Amino acid sequence: MLYGELKQYRALITFDSLTQAMAAEKVFKKLDCPYALIPTPRTLRSGCNNALCFPHERKEIIDDLIDEMVVFTGVYEANNDGFAPLKW
C-alpha cells in the first residue's frame, strides 16, 4: 500500500512527533484534502514513524499547515529515484 499511495499522491510530509502528524491530519480534513497516513520511509526517518502523503497538486496546503503552527521536519516528492525535497 505504501508505494501505491505514493504513486497516487507523490508528496510526503515527515514530522518530529505523532502529535504533529495528528495536527496535520486535522488540517487536511478541514480543507478536504485527500491524504494517507503511512509509515515514514526508512530513508526519511525523523522523530515520528508516521508520515502523510497527499496529491502533489495540493502542495499549497503546506502554507496552511504553517499557518496552523504544525511542526514538520520535511516535505518531499516521490520520484523514481526515491525522494527529493519538494519545491514550491
Protein backbone atom coordinates (compact mmCIF):
# COMPACT_ATOMS: atom_id res chain seq x y z
CA MET A 1 0.00 0.00 0.00
CA LEU A 2 2.83 2.45 0.73
CA TYR A 3 4.11 2.56 -2.82
CA GLY A 4 0.60 2.61 -4.27
CA GLU A 5 -0.27 5.63 -2.14
CA LEU A 6 2.95 7.41 -3.06
CA LYS A 7 2.36 6.82 -6.76
CA GLN A 8 -1.10 8.29 -6.41
CA TYR A 9 -0.17 11.22 -4.16
CA ARG A 10 3.57 11.85 -4.76
CA ALA A 11 4.03 14.46 -1.98
CA LEU A 12 5.09 13.44 1.52
CA ILE A 13 5.44 15.27 4.84
CA THR A 14 7.50 14.00 7.78
CA PHE A 15 7.07 15.05 11.41
CA ASP A 16 9.00 15.13 14.65
CA SER A 17 6.14 13.60 16.65
CA LEU A 18 2.87 11.74 16.31
CA THR A 19 1.13 14.74 17.87
CA GLN A 20 2.21 16.93 14.94
CA ALA A 21 1.16 14.27 12.40
CA MET A 22 -2.29 14.19 14.01
CA ALA A 23 -2.47 18.00 13.97
CA ALA A 24 -1.67 17.91 10.25
CA GLU A 25 -4.43 15.33 9.70
CA LYS A 26 -6.93 17.79 11.20
CA VAL A 27 -5.83 20.47 8.73
CA PHE A 28 -6.11 18.05 5.79
CA LYS A 29 -9.62 17.04 6.91
CA LYS A 30 -10.68 20.66 7.45
CA LEU A 31 -9.54 21.58 3.93
CA ASP A 32 -10.99 18.40 2.41
CA CYS A 33 -7.60 17.36 1.02
CA PRO A 34 -7.13 13.64 0.41
CA TYR A 35 -4.19 12.08 2.24
CA ALA A 36 -2.87 8.82 3.61
CA LEU A 37 -1.09 8.27 6.91
CA ILE A 38 1.78 5.91 6.15
CA PRO A 39 4.93 4.63 7.84
CA THR A 40 7.76 7.10 7.33
CA PRO A 41 10.06 5.70 4.63
CA ARG A 42 13.31 4.48 6.16
CA THR A 43 15.41 6.94 4.15
CA LEU A 44 13.47 9.88 5.61
CA ARG A 45 13.20 8.78 9.25
CA SER A 46 12.68 11.61 11.67
CA GLY A 47 11.31 11.70 15.21
CA CYS A 48 8.00 10.19 14.12
CA ASN A 49 7.32 6.85 12.47
CA ASN A 50 4.32 8.24 10.59
CA ALA A 51 4.21 10.48 7.54
CA LEU A 52 1.40 11.92 5.44
CA CYS A 53 1.28 11.62 1.69
CA PHE A 54 -1.03 13.75 -0.41
CA PRO A 55 -1.60 14.86 -4.02
CA HIS A 56 1.30 16.88 -5.39
CA GLU A 57 -1.11 19.36 -6.97
CA ARG A 58 -2.35 20.29 -3.46
CA LYS A 59 1.10 21.34 -2.21
CA GLU A 60 -0.25 24.77 -1.23
CA ILE A 61 -1.60 23.04 1.87
CA ILE A 62 1.91 23.40 3.32
CA ASP A 63 1.17 27.11 3.83
CA ASP A 64 -1.99 26.16 5.73
CA LEU A 65 -0.01 23.79 7.96
CA ILE A 66 2.43 26.61 8.73
CA ASP A 67 -0.48 28.98 9.48
CA GLU A 68 -1.88 26.36 11.89
CA MET A 69 1.57 26.08 13.54
CA VAL A 70 2.01 22.40 12.67
CA VAL A 71 5.67 21.44 13.02
CA PHE A 72 7.05 19.20 10.27
CA THR A 73 10.59 18.11 9.52
CA GLY A 74 10.44 17.82 5.75
CA VAL A 75 8.33 17.90 2.61
CA TYR A 76 9.30 15.59 -0.23
CA GLU A 77 8.24 14.48 -3.67
CA ALA A 78 8.34 10.80 -4.51
CA ASN A 79 10.14 10.08 -7.77
CA ASN A 80 11.72 7.08 -9.48
CA ASP A 81 14.98 7.57 -7.55
CA GLY A 82 13.40 7.87 -4.10
CA PHE A 83 12.56 11.23 -2.58
CA ALA A 84 13.60 14.79 -3.33
CA PRO A 85 12.78 17.93 -1.34
CA LEU A 86 9.53 19.42 -2.62
CA LYS A 87 9.91 22.89 -4.12
CA TRP A 88 7.13 25.39 -4.46
